């Protein structure tokens, strides 16, 4: 994995850990949060699982 690959992974893990977009944007040094969201965020398997669980809970299951 390249250094840049680690940067993408680090970003995704920050979001998974609950960091806000502004916190991650600042940490990466981006002047625009759109760059952070469009290029550096990736949906992990855990994030997909957590989203499904939140929806199931919302639906009362």
N, C-alpha and C. Protein backbone atom coordinates (compact mmCIF):
# COMPACT_ATOMS: atom_id res chain seq x y z
N UNK A 1 0.85 -1.17 0.00
CA UNK A 1 0.00 0.00 0.00
C UNK A 1 0.90 1.24 0.00
N UNK A 2 0.48 2.23 -0.74
CA UNK A 2 1.24 3.47 -0.82
C UNK A 2 0.91 4.38 0.38
N UNK A 3 1.72 5.40 0.56
CA UNK A 3 1.44 6.40 1.61
C UNK A 3 0.08 7.03 1.36
N UNK A 4 -0.23 7.27 0.10
CA UNK A 4 -1.52 7.88 -0.22
C UNK A 4 -2.67 6.93 0.12
N UNK A 5 -2.46 5.64 -0.07
CA UNK A 5 -3.45 4.64 0.31
C UNK A 5 -3.70 4.66 1.82
N UNK A 6 -2.63 4.82 2.59
CA UNK A 6 -2.79 4.93 4.05
C UNK A 6 -3.60 6.17 4.42
N UNK A 7 -3.41 7.23 3.66
CA UNK A 7 -4.17 8.47 3.92
C UNK A 7 -5.67 8.23 3.72
N UNK A 8 -6.03 7.51 2.66
CA UNK A 8 -7.44 7.19 2.42
C UNK A 8 -7.99 6.30 3.54
N UNK A 9 -7.21 5.29 3.92
CA UNK A 9 -7.64 4.38 4.99
C UNK A 9 -7.80 5.14 6.29
N UNK A 10 -6.84 5.98 6.61
CA UNK A 10 -6.90 6.79 7.83
C UNK A 10 -8.17 7.63 7.86
N UNK A 11 -8.49 8.23 6.73
CA UNK A 11 -9.69 9.07 6.63
C UNK A 11 -10.95 8.25 6.88
N UNK A 12 -11.07 7.11 6.24
CA UNK A 12 -12.25 6.26 6.43
C UNK A 12 -12.38 5.81 7.87
N UNK A 13 -11.26 5.46 8.49
CA UNK A 13 -11.30 5.03 9.89
C UNK A 13 -11.66 6.17 10.83
N UNK A 14 -11.22 7.38 10.51
CA UNK A 14 -11.63 8.53 11.33
C UNK A 14 -13.14 8.69 11.31
N UNK A 15 -13.74 8.58 10.13
CA UNK A 15 -15.20 8.68 10.04
C UNK A 15 -15.87 7.54 10.79
N UNK A 16 -15.33 6.35 10.65
CA UNK A 16 -15.89 5.19 11.33
C UNK A 16 -15.82 5.37 12.85
N UNK A 17 -14.80 6.07 13.31
CA UNK A 17 -14.63 6.31 14.74
C UNK A 17 -15.52 7.45 15.25
N UNK A 18 -16.20 8.14 14.33
CA UNK A 18 -17.12 9.19 14.76
C UNK A 18 -16.65 10.61 14.55
N UNK A 19 -15.51 10.78 13.88
CA UNK A 19 -15.03 12.14 13.62
C UNK A 19 -15.97 12.86 12.67
N UNK A 20 -16.11 14.16 12.84
CA UNK A 20 -16.97 14.95 11.96
C UNK A 20 -16.21 15.30 10.68
N UNK A 21 -16.96 15.71 9.67
CA UNK A 21 -16.34 16.10 8.41
C UNK A 21 -15.37 17.26 8.61
N UNK A 22 -15.72 18.21 9.45
CA UNK A 22 -14.84 19.37 9.68
C UNK A 22 -13.55 18.94 10.38
N UNK A 23 -13.65 18.00 11.31
CA UNK A 23 -12.44 17.51 11.99
C UNK A 23 -11.50 16.82 11.01
N UNK A 24 -12.07 15.99 10.14
CA UNK A 24 -11.26 15.26 9.17
C UNK A 24 -10.70 16.23 8.13
N UNK A 25 -11.52 17.15 7.66
CA UNK A 25 -11.06 18.15 6.71
C UNK A 25 -9.86 18.90 7.26
N UNK A 26 -9.94 19.33 8.50
CA UNK A 26 -8.84 20.06 9.14
C UNK A 26 -7.60 19.17 9.27
N UNK A 27 -7.80 17.94 9.68
CA UNK A 27 -6.67 17.02 9.87
C UNK A 27 -5.93 16.76 8.55
N UNK A 28 -6.69 16.68 7.45
CA UNK A 28 -6.07 16.44 6.15
C UNK A 28 -5.54 17.72 5.49
N UNK A 29 -5.93 18.86 6.02
CA UNK A 29 -5.45 20.13 5.48
C UNK A 29 -6.19 20.58 4.24
N UNK A 30 -7.41 20.11 4.06
CA UNK A 30 -8.21 20.51 2.89
C UNK A 30 -8.90 21.84 3.17
N UNK A 31 -8.93 22.70 2.17
CA UNK A 31 -9.62 23.98 2.31
C UNK A 31 -11.11 23.82 2.04
N UNK A 32 -11.50 22.70 1.41
CA UNK A 32 -12.89 22.48 1.04
C UNK A 32 -13.31 21.08 1.49
N UNK A 33 -14.40 20.98 2.23
CA UNK A 33 -14.85 19.68 2.70
C UNK A 33 -15.32 18.78 1.55
N UNK A 34 -15.67 19.36 0.42
CA UNK A 34 -16.08 18.58 -0.75
C UNK A 34 -14.93 17.66 -1.19
N UNK A 35 -13.71 18.14 -1.13
CA UNK A 35 -12.54 17.31 -1.48
C UNK A 35 -12.46 16.12 -0.55
N UNK A 36 -12.63 16.37 0.73
CA UNK A 36 -12.56 15.31 1.73
C UNK A 36 -13.63 14.26 1.46
N UNK A 37 -14.85 14.70 1.23
CA UNK A 37 -15.97 13.78 1.02
C UNK A 37 -15.88 13.04 -0.31
N UNK A 38 -15.56 13.75 -1.37
CA UNK A 38 -15.60 13.15 -2.70
C UNK A 38 -14.42 12.23 -3.00
N UNK A 39 -13.27 12.51 -2.42
CA UNK A 39 -12.06 11.77 -2.78
C UNK A 39 -11.58 10.83 -1.67
N UNK A 40 -11.69 11.24 -0.44
CA UNK A 40 -11.04 10.51 0.64
C UNK A 40 -11.93 9.61 1.49
N UNK A 41 -13.22 9.70 1.33
CA UNK A 41 -14.09 8.86 2.15
C UNK A 41 -14.51 7.63 1.37
N UNK A 42 -14.50 6.51 2.07
CA UNK A 42 -14.92 5.24 1.50
C UNK A 42 -15.79 4.55 2.53
N UNK A 43 -16.82 3.87 2.08
CA UNK A 43 -17.72 3.18 2.99
C UNK A 43 -17.13 1.81 3.31
N UNK A 44 -16.81 1.58 4.58
CA UNK A 44 -16.23 0.31 4.99
C UNK A 44 -17.33 -0.72 5.23
N UNK A 45 -16.95 -1.98 5.33
CA UNK A 45 -17.92 -3.04 5.63
C UNK A 45 -18.61 -2.77 6.95
N UNK A 46 -17.83 -2.30 7.95
CA UNK A 46 -18.41 -2.01 9.26
C UNK A 46 -19.42 -0.87 9.15
N UNK A 47 -19.10 0.15 8.37
CA UNK A 47 -20.02 1.28 8.20
C UNK A 47 -21.32 0.83 7.54
N UNK A 48 -21.22 -0.06 6.56
CA UNK A 48 -22.42 -0.59 5.91
C UNK A 48 -23.27 -1.38 6.91
N UNK A 49 -22.60 -2.19 7.70
CA UNK A 49 -23.28 -3.00 8.71
C UNK A 49 -23.96 -2.08 9.75
N UNK A 50 -23.24 -1.07 10.21
CA UNK A 50 -23.80 -0.15 11.19
C UNK A 50 -25.01 0.60 10.64
N UNK A 51 -24.94 1.00 9.37
CA UNK A 51 -26.08 1.70 8.75
C UNK A 51 -27.29 0.79 8.68
N UNK A 52 -27.08 -0.47 8.33
CA UNK A 52 -28.19 -1.42 8.27
C UNK A 52 -28.79 -1.63 9.65
N UNK A 53 -27.96 -1.71 10.67
CA UNK A 53 -28.46 -1.86 12.04
C UNK A 53 -29.24 -0.64 12.51
N UNK A 54 -28.75 0.55 12.16
CA UNK A 54 -29.47 1.77 12.55
C UNK A 54 -30.85 1.81 11.89
N UNK A 55 -30.91 1.41 10.61
CA UNK A 55 -32.19 1.39 9.92
C UNK A 55 -33.13 0.37 10.53
N UNK A 56 -32.62 -0.81 10.84
CA UNK A 56 -33.46 -1.85 11.47
C UNK A 56 -33.98 -1.36 12.82
N UNK A 57 -33.14 -0.70 13.58
CA UNK A 57 -33.57 -0.16 14.88
C UNK A 57 -34.64 0.90 14.68
N UNK A 58 -34.45 1.75 13.70
CA UNK A 58 -35.43 2.81 13.39
C UNK A 58 -36.77 2.22 13.02
N UNK A 59 -36.73 1.10 12.30
CA UNK A 59 -37.95 0.45 11.84
C UNK A 59 -38.57 -0.42 12.95
N UNK A 60 -37.91 -0.51 14.11
CA UNK A 60 -38.47 -1.22 15.23
C UNK A 60 -38.18 -2.71 15.27
N UNK A 61 -37.11 -3.12 14.61
CA UNK A 61 -36.78 -4.56 14.59
C UNK A 61 -35.57 -4.83 15.43
